[in-house]
Protein backbone atom coordinates (compact mmCIF):
# COMPACT_ATOMS: atom_id res chain seq x y z
CA UNK A 1 -5.52 4.23 36.74
CA UNK A 2 -7.93 4.96 39.57
CA UNK A 3 -11.69 4.90 40.30
CA UNK A 4 -13.02 8.39 39.76
CA UNK A 5 -16.18 10.00 41.40
CA UNK A 6 -18.12 9.40 38.25
CA UNK A 7 -17.10 5.68 38.20
CA UNK A 8 -18.38 4.94 41.68
CA UNK A 9 -22.14 5.32 41.03
CA UNK A 10 -21.87 2.86 38.08
CA UNK A 11 -20.31 0.22 40.41
CA UNK A 12 -22.93 0.94 43.06
CA UNK A 13 -25.89 0.47 40.66
CA UNK A 14 -24.69 -2.99 39.71
CA UNK A 15 -24.40 -3.90 43.42
CA UNK A 16 -27.94 -2.60 44.07
CA UNK A 17 -29.18 -4.80 41.05
CA UNK A 18 -27.58 -8.08 42.24
CA UNK A 19 -30.68 -10.11 42.73
CA UNK A 20 -32.19 -8.95 39.30
CA UNK A 21 -28.97 -9.82 37.50
CA UNK A 22 -29.05 -13.32 38.87
CA UNK A 23 -32.62 -14.01 38.62
CA UNK A 24 -33.12 -13.18 34.97
CA UNK A 25 -30.18 -15.57 34.19
CA UNK A 26 -32.03 -18.19 36.20
CA UNK A 27 -35.20 -17.52 34.22
CA UNK A 28 -33.41 -17.84 30.88
CA UNK A 29 -32.01 -21.21 32.13
CA UNK A 30 -35.53 -22.50 32.32
CA UNK A 31 -35.87 -21.95 28.52
CA UNK A 32 -34.24 -25.08 26.85
CA UNK A 33 -32.23 -23.76 23.98
CA UNK A 34 -30.01 -26.63 23.03
CA UNK A 35 -28.23 -25.90 19.74
CA UNK A 36 -30.57 -27.95 17.60
CA UNK A 37 -33.75 -27.25 19.64
CA UNK A 38 -35.18 -24.69 17.24
CA UNK A 39 -38.45 -23.91 19.00
CA UNK A 40 -36.57 -23.42 22.39
CA UNK A 41 -33.93 -21.27 20.67
CA UNK A 42 -36.62 -19.02 19.18
CA UNK A 43 -38.22 -18.55 22.54
CA UNK A 44 -34.77 -17.55 24.03
CA UNK A 45 -34.13 -15.23 21.03
CA UNK A 46 -37.36 -13.36 21.66
CA UNK A 47 -36.77 -12.93 25.40
CA UNK A 48 -33.06 -11.63 24.86
CA UNK A 49 -34.43 -9.22 22.15
CA UNK A 50 -36.66 -7.62 24.71
CA UNK A 51 -33.67 -7.38 27.26
CA UNK A 52 -31.48 -5.71 24.51
CA UNK A 53 -34.33 -3.28 24.00
CA UNK A 54 -33.54 -1.79 27.38
CA UNK A 55 -30.26 -0.30 25.99
CA UNK A 56 -29.97 2.51 23.42
CA UNK A 57 -29.27 1.86 19.79
CA UNK A 58 -30.73 -0.38 17.27
CA UNK A 59 -31.67 -3.99 17.88
CA UNK A 60 -31.78 -6.37 14.72
CA UNK A 61 -32.59 -9.95 14.19
CA UNK A 62 -29.87 -11.28 11.67
CA UNK A 63 -30.99 -14.28 9.70
CA UNK A 64 -28.37 -17.05 9.44
CA UNK A 65 -27.67 -19.25 6.57
CA UNK A 66 -28.57 -23.14 7.21
CA UNK A 67 -25.28 -25.09 7.78
CA UNK A 68 -24.45 -28.41 6.10
CA UNK A 69 -24.45 -31.52 8.27
CA UNK A 70 -23.58 -35.10 7.62
CA UNK A 71 -26.22 -37.59 8.80
CA UNK A 72 -25.33 -41.01 10.19
CA UNK A 73 -26.21 -42.60 6.68
CA UNK A 74 -23.67 -40.37 5.05
CA UNK A 75 -26.15 -38.07 3.49
CA UNK A 76 -25.92 -34.26 3.46
CA UNK A 77 -28.70 -32.17 5.04
CA UNK A 78 -29.12 -28.63 5.93
CA UNK A 79 -29.53 -27.51 9.60
CA UNK A 80 -31.60 -24.47 10.11
CA UNK A 81 -30.64 -21.92 12.73
CA UNK A 82 -32.68 -19.03 14.44
CA UNK A 83 -31.65 -15.48 13.89
CA UNK A 84 -28.71 -13.95 15.64
CA UNK A 85 -29.36 -10.62 17.63
CA UNK A 86 -27.23 -7.67 16.90
CA UNK A 87 -27.32 -4.37 18.93
CA UNK A 88 -25.42 -1.28 17.65
CA UNK A 89 -24.83 1.64 19.91
CA UNK A 90 -22.95 4.81 18.98
CA UNK A 91 -21.17 3.42 15.81
CA UNK A 92 -19.51 6.70 15.10
CA UNK A 93 -17.88 6.98 18.73
CA UNK A 94 -14.09 7.07 18.62
CA UNK A 95 -13.57 3.80 20.56
CA UNK A 96 -15.62 0.68 19.38
CA UNK A 97 -16.14 -2.40 21.46
CA UNK A 98 -17.42 -5.73 20.18
CA UNK A 99 -19.21 -7.83 22.93
CA UNK A 100 -20.41 -11.34 21.98
CA UNK A 101 -22.25 -14.27 23.61
CA UNK A 102 -24.29 -17.19 22.62
CA UNK A 103 -27.73 -18.28 23.73
CA UNK A 104 -27.53 -21.99 22.74
CA UNK A 105 -26.66 -24.60 25.09
CA UNK A 106 -25.27 -28.20 24.92
CA UNK A 107 -28.47 -29.57 26.52
CA UNK A 108 -31.11 -31.06 24.11
CA UNK A 109 -34.71 -30.55 24.49
CA UNK A 110 -35.07 -34.22 25.95
CA UNK A 111 -32.51 -33.58 28.72
CA UNK A 112 -33.52 -33.99 32.30
CA UNK A 113 -31.45 -31.14 33.19
CA UNK A 114 -33.83 -28.21 32.58
CA UNK A 115 -33.83 -25.81 35.63
CA UNK A 116 -31.56 -24.12 38.03
CA UNK A 117 -31.46 -25.32 41.73
CA UNK A 118 -29.51 -24.11 44.81
CA UNK A 119 -26.64 -26.37 45.64
CA UNK A 120 -25.84 -27.10 49.32
CA UNK A 121 -22.47 -25.21 49.14
CA UNK A 122 -24.39 -21.98 47.79
CA UNK A 123 -23.60 -22.45 44.10
CA UNK A 124 -26.41 -22.15 41.56
CA UNK A 125 -26.60 -25.51 39.60
CA UNK A 126 -28.40 -25.59 36.31
CA UNK A 127 -28.23 -25.71 32.45
CA UNK A 128 -26.44 -22.67 30.91
CA UNK A 129 -25.98 -20.85 34.25
CA UNK A 130 -22.47 -20.49 33.61
CA UNK A 131 -22.20 -21.22 29.82
CA UNK A 132 -23.45 -18.69 29.10
CA UNK A 133 -26.84 -17.26 30.21
CA UNK A 134 -25.11 -16.12 33.32
CA UNK A 135 -22.58 -14.37 31.10
CA UNK A 136 -25.22 -12.57 28.88
CA UNK A 137 -26.85 -11.28 32.06
CA UNK A 138 -23.36 -9.97 33.42
CA UNK A 139 -22.85 -8.46 29.85
CA UNK A 140 -26.09 -6.46 29.74
CA UNK A 141 -25.74 -5.36 33.45
CA UNK A 142 -22.35 -3.83 32.84
CA UNK A 143 -23.67 -2.15 29.68
CA UNK A 144 -26.84 -0.94 31.34
CA UNK A 145 -24.77 0.54 34.16
CA UNK A 146 -22.19 2.02 31.85
CA UNK A 147 -24.90 4.05 30.18
CA UNK A 148 -25.15 6.23 33.19
CA UNK A 149 -21.46 7.33 32.82
CA UNK A 150 -20.68 10.76 31.79
CA UNK A 151 -18.05 9.66 29.27
CA UNK A 152 -20.33 7.01 27.63
CA UNK A 153 -20.42 8.88 24.37
CA UNK A 154 -16.72 8.21 23.77
CA UNK A 155 -17.57 4.46 23.49
CA UNK A 156 -19.57 2.79 20.89
CA UNK A 157 -20.33 -0.85 20.94
CA UNK A 158 -21.97 -3.78 19.06
CA UNK A 159 -23.33 -6.75 20.74
CA UNK A 160 -23.87 -10.06 19.05
CA UNK A 161 -25.93 -12.97 20.54
CA UNK A 162 -25.68 -16.13 18.48
CA UNK A 163 -27.51 -19.39 18.47
CA UNK A 164 -24.73 -21.76 17.29
CA UNK A 165 -21.49 -21.26 19.27
CA UNK A 166 -21.84 -24.79 20.82
CA UNK A 167 -21.80 -26.37 17.57
CA UNK A 168 -18.78 -24.31 16.26
CA UNK A 169 -20.30 -20.87 15.26
CA UNK A 170 -20.93 -22.56 11.88
CA UNK A 171 -23.63 -20.18 10.80
CA UNK A 172 -22.60 -17.02 12.83
CA UNK A 173 -18.85 -17.05 11.91
CA UNK A 174 -19.27 -14.56 9.00
CA UNK A 175 -21.12 -12.14 11.48
CA UNK A 176 -18.26 -12.63 14.04
CA UNK A 177 -15.60 -11.84 11.46
CA UNK A 178 -17.56 -8.79 10.13
CA UNK A 179 -17.85 -7.35 13.71
CA UNK A 180 -14.30 -8.14 14.54
CA UNK A 181 -13.05 -5.87 11.68
CA UNK A 182 -15.28 -3.16 12.93
CA UNK A 183 -14.02 -2.89 16.54
CA UNK A 184 -10.83 -1.90 18.38
CA UNK A 185 -11.21 -4.45 21.36
CA UNK A 186 -13.49 -7.60 22.04
CA UNK A 187 -15.19 -8.68 25.32
CA UNK A 188 -16.78 -12.11 25.13
CA UNK A 189 -18.67 -13.82 28.02
CA UNK A 190 -17.58 -17.47 28.33
CA UNK A 191 -17.29 -18.42 32.03
CA UNK A 192 -14.15 -17.76 33.86
CA UNK A 193 -12.44 -20.48 35.67
CA UNK A 194 -13.78 -21.34 39.07
CA UNK A 195 -11.03 -19.17 40.66
CA UNK A 196 -11.73 -16.22 38.35
CA UNK A 197 -8.87 -16.83 36.10
CA UNK A 198 -9.16 -15.91 32.45
CA UNK A 199 -8.31 -18.01 29.37
CA UNK A 200 -5.32 -16.56 27.66
CA UNK A 201 -3.78 -18.50 24.57
CA UNK A 202 -6.43 -20.80 22.99
CA UNK A 203 -5.91 -23.66 20.72
CA UNK A 204 -7.55 -23.86 17.25
CA UNK A 205 -10.21 -26.46 16.50
CA UNK A 206 -11.76 -28.34 13.77
CA UNK A 207 -14.69 -30.86 13.20
CA UNK A 208 -14.45 -33.52 10.56
CA UNK A 209 -16.79 -36.30 9.44
CA UNK A 210 -15.44 -39.16 7.23
CA UNK A 211 -18.12 -40.96 5.03
CA UNK A 212 -17.19 -44.47 4.20
CA UNK A 213 -19.37 -46.26 1.60
CA UNK A 214 -18.90 -50.03 0.90
CA UNK A 215 -21.07 -52.81 -0.67
CA UNK A 216 -23.60 -54.71 1.13
CA UNK A 217 -23.78 -58.46 0.77
CA UNK A 218 -25.18 -61.54 2.66
CA UNK A 219 -22.76 -62.42 5.25
CA UNK A 220 -23.09 -66.15 4.63
CA UNK A 221 -24.09 -66.83 1.02
CA UNK A 222 -21.99 -63.94 -0.60
CA UNK A 223 -19.55 -62.62 1.97
CA UNK A 224 -16.68 -62.22 -0.46
CA UNK A 225 -18.45 -59.83 -2.71
CA UNK A 226 -19.25 -57.36 0.20
CA UNK A 227 -17.01 -54.35 1.16
CA UNK A 228 -17.13 -53.72 4.80
CA UNK A 229 -17.41 -50.01 5.55
CA UNK A 230 -17.38 -50.42 9.19
CA UNK A 231 -14.00 -52.27 9.02
CA UNK A 232 -12.64 -49.33 6.86
CA UNK A 233 -14.05 -46.66 9.22
CA UNK A 234 -12.30 -48.54 12.09
CA UNK A 235 -9.05 -48.62 10.25
CA UNK A 236 -9.33 -44.81 9.53
CA UNK A 237 -10.19 -44.23 13.12
CA UNK A 238 -7.16 -46.07 14.32
CA UNK A 239 -4.82 -44.17 11.99
CA UNK A 240 -6.37 -40.83 13.07
CA UNK A 241 -5.87 -41.76 16.68
CA UNK A 242 -2.17 -42.58 16.10
CA UNK A 243 -1.50 -38.94 15.22
CA UNK A 244 -1.66 -38.17 18.98
CA UNK A 245 1.69 -37.54 20.32
CA UNK A 246 3.41 -36.83 16.86
CA UNK A 247 3.31 -33.09 17.06
CA UNK A 248 3.36 -31.08 20.25
CA UNK A 249 -0.17 -29.57 21.37
CA UNK A 250 -2.02 -31.50 18.50
CA UNK A 251 -4.75 -33.68 19.57
CA UNK A 252 -7.16 -35.82 17.62
CA UNK A 253 -10.34 -37.06 19.33
CA UNK A 254 -12.20 -39.75 17.47
CA UNK A 255 -15.63 -39.30 18.94
CA UNK A 256 -18.04 -41.59 17.12
CA UNK A 257 -18.27 -44.29 14.51
CA UNK A 258 -21.91 -44.58 13.28
CA UNK A 259 -22.98 -47.27 10.90
CA UNK A 260 -23.51 -51.01 10.65
CA UNK A 261 -26.17 -53.49 9.75
CA UNK A 262 -27.90 -56.82 10.76
CA UNK A 263 -25.40 -59.29 11.86
CA UNK A 264 -26.03 -61.43 8.61
CA UNK A 265 -25.32 -58.36 6.20
CA UNK A 266 -21.81 -56.86 5.38
CA UNK A 267 -22.31 -53.16 6.22
CA UNK A 268 -22.05 -50.65 3.38
CA UNK A 269 -22.06 -47.38 5.25
CA UNK A 270 -20.28 -45.89 8.23
CA UNK A 271 -19.31 -42.32 9.38
CA UNK A 272 -16.33 -41.39 11.51
CA UNK A 273 -16.57 -38.22 13.45
CA UNK A 274 -13.49 -36.50 15.01
CA UNK A 275 -12.26 -33.14 16.55
CA UNK A 276 -8.72 -31.70 16.30
CA UNK A 277 -7.04 -29.13 18.45
CA UNK A 278 -3.88 -27.42 17.51
CA UNK A 279 -1.71 -24.56 19.11
CA UNK A 280 -0.83 -22.57 16.00
CA UNK A 281 -1.19 -22.17 12.33
CA UNK A 282 1.79 -24.33 11.46
CA UNK A 283 0.39 -27.14 13.70
CA UNK A 284 -3.02 -26.72 11.93
CA UNK A 285 -1.45 -27.11 8.46
CA UNK A 286 0.45 -30.16 9.72
CA UNK A 287 -2.53 -32.01 11.00
CA UNK A 288 -4.62 -31.05 8.03
CA UNK A 289 -2.07 -32.61 5.84
CA UNK A 290 -1.92 -35.86 8.01
CA UNK A 291 -5.80 -36.16 7.96
CA UNK A 292 -5.82 -35.84 4.14
CA UNK A 293 -3.07 -38.50 3.75
CA UNK A 294 -5.03 -40.91 5.99
CA UNK A 295 -8.46 -40.32 4.54
CA UNK A 296 -7.71 -39.59 0.93
CA UNK A 297 -4.18 -40.52 -0.07
CA UNK A 298 -3.59 -43.90 1.67
CA UNK A 299 -4.08 -46.97 -0.33
CA UNK A 300 -5.40 -49.12 2.49
CA UNK A 301 -9.02 -48.17 2.04
CA UNK A 302 -8.95 -48.20 -1.73
CA UNK A 303 -7.52 -51.76 -1.64
CA UNK A 304 -10.84 -52.74 0.17
CA UNK A 305 -13.05 -51.20 -2.59
CA UNK A 306 -14.43 -48.47 -0.35
CA UNK A 307 -15.42 -45.06 -1.32
CA UNK A 308 -14.34 -42.39 1.25
CA UNK A 309 -15.19 -38.71 1.41
CA UNK A 310 -13.97 -36.14 3.88
CA UNK A 311 -16.37 -33.36 5.20
CA UNK A 312 -15.91 -30.61 7.66
CA UNK A 313 -12.91 -28.61 8.54
CA UNK A 314 -11.32 -26.12 10.88
CA UNK A 315 -13.96 -23.98 12.63
CA UNK A 316 -11.71 -21.77 14.71
CA UNK A 317 -8.15 -20.61 14.29
CA UNK A 318 -5.84 -20.72 17.20
CA UNK A 319 -5.61 -17.71 19.47
CA UNK A 320 -1.95 -17.20 20.59
CA UNK A 321 -1.09 -14.93 23.48
CA UNK A 322 0.64 -12.13 21.50
CA UNK A 323 1.88 -8.84 22.48
CA UNK A 324 -1.55 -7.19 22.03
CA UNK A 325 -3.29 -9.90 24.10
CA UNK A 326 -0.67 -9.58 26.85
CA UNK A 327 -1.07 -5.89 27.03
CA UNK A 328 -4.84 -6.01 27.11
CA UNK A 329 -4.73 -8.70 29.88
CA UNK A 330 -2.34 -6.47 31.88
CA UNK A 331 -4.96 -3.73 31.60
CA UNK A 332 -7.71 -6.04 32.77
CA UNK A 333 -5.57 -7.03 35.78
CA UNK A 334 -5.05 -3.29 36.68
CA UNK A 335 -8.76 -2.70 36.40
CA UNK A 336 -9.55 -5.72 38.48
CA UNK A 337 -7.21 -4.37 41.31
CA UNK A 338 -9.08 -1.19 41.41
CA UNK A 339 -12.17 -3.09 42.62
CA UNK A 340 -10.39 -5.68 44.75
CA UNK A 341 -10.37 -8.53 42.29
CA UNK A 342 -7.15 -10.38 41.56
CA UNK A 343 -7.01 -11.29 37.87
CA UNK A 344 -4.89 -14.24 36.77
CA UNK A 345 -4.83 -16.19 33.46
CA UNK A 346 -3.86 -19.41 32.03
CA UNK A 347 -3.91 -21.19 28.66
CA UNK A 348 -6.88 -23.12 27.50
CA UNK A 349 -7.39 -25.92 25.09
CA UNK A 350 -11.02 -24.81 24.76
CA UNK A 351 -12.38 -22.56 21.80
CA UNK A 352 -14.95 -19.96 21.66
CA UNK A 353 -16.12 -16.83 19.83
CA UNK A 354 -12.74 -15.21 21.00
CA UNK A 355 -10.91 -17.25 18.46
CA UNK A 356 -13.16 -15.97 15.70
CA UNK A 357 -12.69 -12.32 16.75
CA UNK A 358 -8.94 -12.71 17.06
CA UNK A 359 -8.74 -14.16 13.57
CA UNK A 360 -10.53 -11.09 12.32
CA UNK A 361 -7.91 -8.82 13.78
CA UNK A 362 -9.59 -8.04 17.19
CA UNK A 363 -7.70 -8.23 20.44
CA UNK A 364 -10.09 -9.58 23.02
CA UNK A 365 -10.58 -11.24 26.38
CA UNK A 366 -13.25 -13.94 26.05
CA UNK A 367 -13.85 -15.20 29.72
CA UNK A 368 -15.54 -12.22 31.31
CA UNK A 369 -18.52 -14.34 32.27
CA UNK A 370 -19.45 -15.62 35.75
CA UNK A 371 -17.10 -17.82 37.89
CA UNK A 372 -18.32 -21.48 37.60
CA UNK A 373 -17.42 -24.82 36.38
CA UNK A 374 -18.22 -28.33 35.20
CA UNK A 375 -19.67 -26.87 31.91
CA UNK A 376 -21.09 -29.14 29.30
CA UNK A 377 -22.25 -31.59 32.04
CA UNK A 378 -25.22 -31.98 34.25
CA UNK A 379 -23.12 -30.72 37.08
CA UNK A 380 -22.80 -27.19 35.48
CA UNK A 381 -22.79 -24.46 38.16
CA UNK A 382 -21.93 -20.83 38.78
CA UNK A 383 -21.25 -18.88 42.01
CA UNK A 384 -23.86 -16.26 42.67
CA UNK A 385 -21.48 -13.64 44.14
CA UNK A 386 -19.73 -13.64 40.85
CA UNK A 387 -22.54 -12.07 38.89
CA UNK A 388 -22.02 -8.58 40.64
CA UNK A 389 -18.13 -9.06 40.59
CA UNK A 390 -17.88 -9.79 36.87
CA UNK A 391 -20.37 -7.06 35.90
CA UNK A 392 -18.46 -4.57 37.80
CA UNK A 393 -15.28 -5.75 36.18
CA UNK A 394 -16.69 -5.21 32.65
CA UNK A 395 -18.24 -1.80 33.67
CA UNK A 396 -14.87 -0.69 34.89
CA UNK A 397 -13.24 -1.86 31.57
CA UNK A 398 -15.71 0.05 29.64
CA UNK A 399 -15.17 3.15 31.80
CA UNK A 400 -11.36 3.02 31.52
CA UNK A 401 -11.88 2.57 27.78
CA UNK A 402 -13.92 5.74 27.76
CA UNK A 403 -11.35 7.62 29.80
CA UNK A 404 -8.53 6.56 27.62
CA UNK A 405 -6.57 4.71 30.43
CA UNK A 406 -7.06 1.59 28.05
CA UNK A 407 -5.93 2.57 24.63
CA UNK A 408 -8.20 0.42 22.51
CA UNK A 409 -6.96 1.81 19.14
CA UNK A 410 -3.41 1.14 20.20
CA UNK A 411 -4.21 -2.40 21.18
CA UNK A 412 -5.77 -2.96 17.74
CA UNK A 413 -2.69 -1.49 15.94
CA UNK A 414 -0.47 -3.60 17.98
CA UNK A 415 -2.45 -6.79 17.13
CA UNK A 416 -2.21 -5.76 13.44
CA UNK A 417 1.68 -5.40 13.53
CA UNK A 418 1.98 -8.85 15.09
CA UNK A 419 -0.40 -10.39 12.64
CA UNK A 420 1.66 -9.03 9.57
CA UNK A 421 5.06 -9.47 11.11
C-alpha cells in the first residue's frame, strides 16, 4: 500500500481547506440541537442538507416515527423527531461504503453552553465540537476531496445524518439497519480518543424504565391503607444495583428515581430509570433475565400491593472485536502510517451507531471524527489540527477502498462467516 500520484492532490486539497473545515463546524455548534430541542434540530438539519448538496447524488429527508417515552408520572407519550438526512452516491458501484453521523447533542436549549471558544492551550471548547459536529465536517471534507480522485467511480456511498443518536437512535435504528445491510464497510464519525486512538470492541447498551403504581392515602389519618410507590421503587433500585459485580463486564446504572408527594401523603407513583452495559450477547441475555426477575417475578413488590411495569429495552447490541474488525483496523493502521499517523485502538464501554451497523452485518470503524475529549460535559473540546488529520485519514481509506488495497467485499464476507459460526 502506498500513496500514488493520484492520491496526493486529494490530500493537499484537504490541507488547503483547513480553515473552512474548522469554521463550518464552529458555526454548526452555534445552533443548539439538543436531542429534544425540535426547533434547533430542524435548523441544524436544513444547514446540513445544504452542505450535503455540494456532493453528487441524491439528498433525501427521511421522516422518522415518533418514539415512545415514559413521563415522570408513569404515562406514555410520543416524542417527535426531525427528519434524518440520507445522501446516496453511485449505488451501483462495486464497493459500497456507509458513512454515519448524528446532528443532535446532549445540550438542551436552556444550557448555558452554546458557542465555541478558544481555550488557552489552543483547543476548541464548545458544544458538539467533538461529538459530533466536528466529525460531520471531517466526513464531508473527506468525501468532497475524494470526488476529485480518478478512481472515485469504483466506490459508492450512502451518508446518514440522524437527530437521535444521543438518546439511543430510537427512531433512526431501522434506517441504520437498512443501510448496514446495503454496504460492505462502515465509517462513523464519533470523536477519537484525545491521543487519536480508535474504539475497538464496544459493549452493548439498554435503557429501561420501571413504573411503580401504589395507592395514595393521608399519612396521618389513613397511613395503613396507602401503598408507597417510592419505597417500592427504592427497593427495586437497590436490587438492580446489586447486580453489579455478579457477571464480568455487566454494569447496571440506576440513574434516577422520579416520584413522590407532599409530606402528608403516601406517594402513589414512582419511576426508576436505569442503563445497562454488557460485553456480549450471552451477558445481555443474563442481565435481561435478572431485570425481569427483579421487576416482574420477585414477590417483594407484590406483597406491598404495588403494580409494577417494565418499559424500554436494549438499544444497541454489543460490538465485539472479531476477525473482520481486526482486519479492518489493521488496514486503517496501514493507511494512517502512509500519512504519518500512528493508529492505535482500545476497547470502549461506550456505544454508538457503529453498534447498530455491526449488528446489521457491516464491519465498521466508528471513531473517525476529530481528536478531543470531555464529551457530554460543558468541558467538551477538540484539537483544531485534528480536523485535517482525520479528514485526510478518511480520504485515504476511501482511496484505498477504490484501488482495492482494502478489500471491502472480503471484509463483509469475513464478518458474515464469524456471525454465523
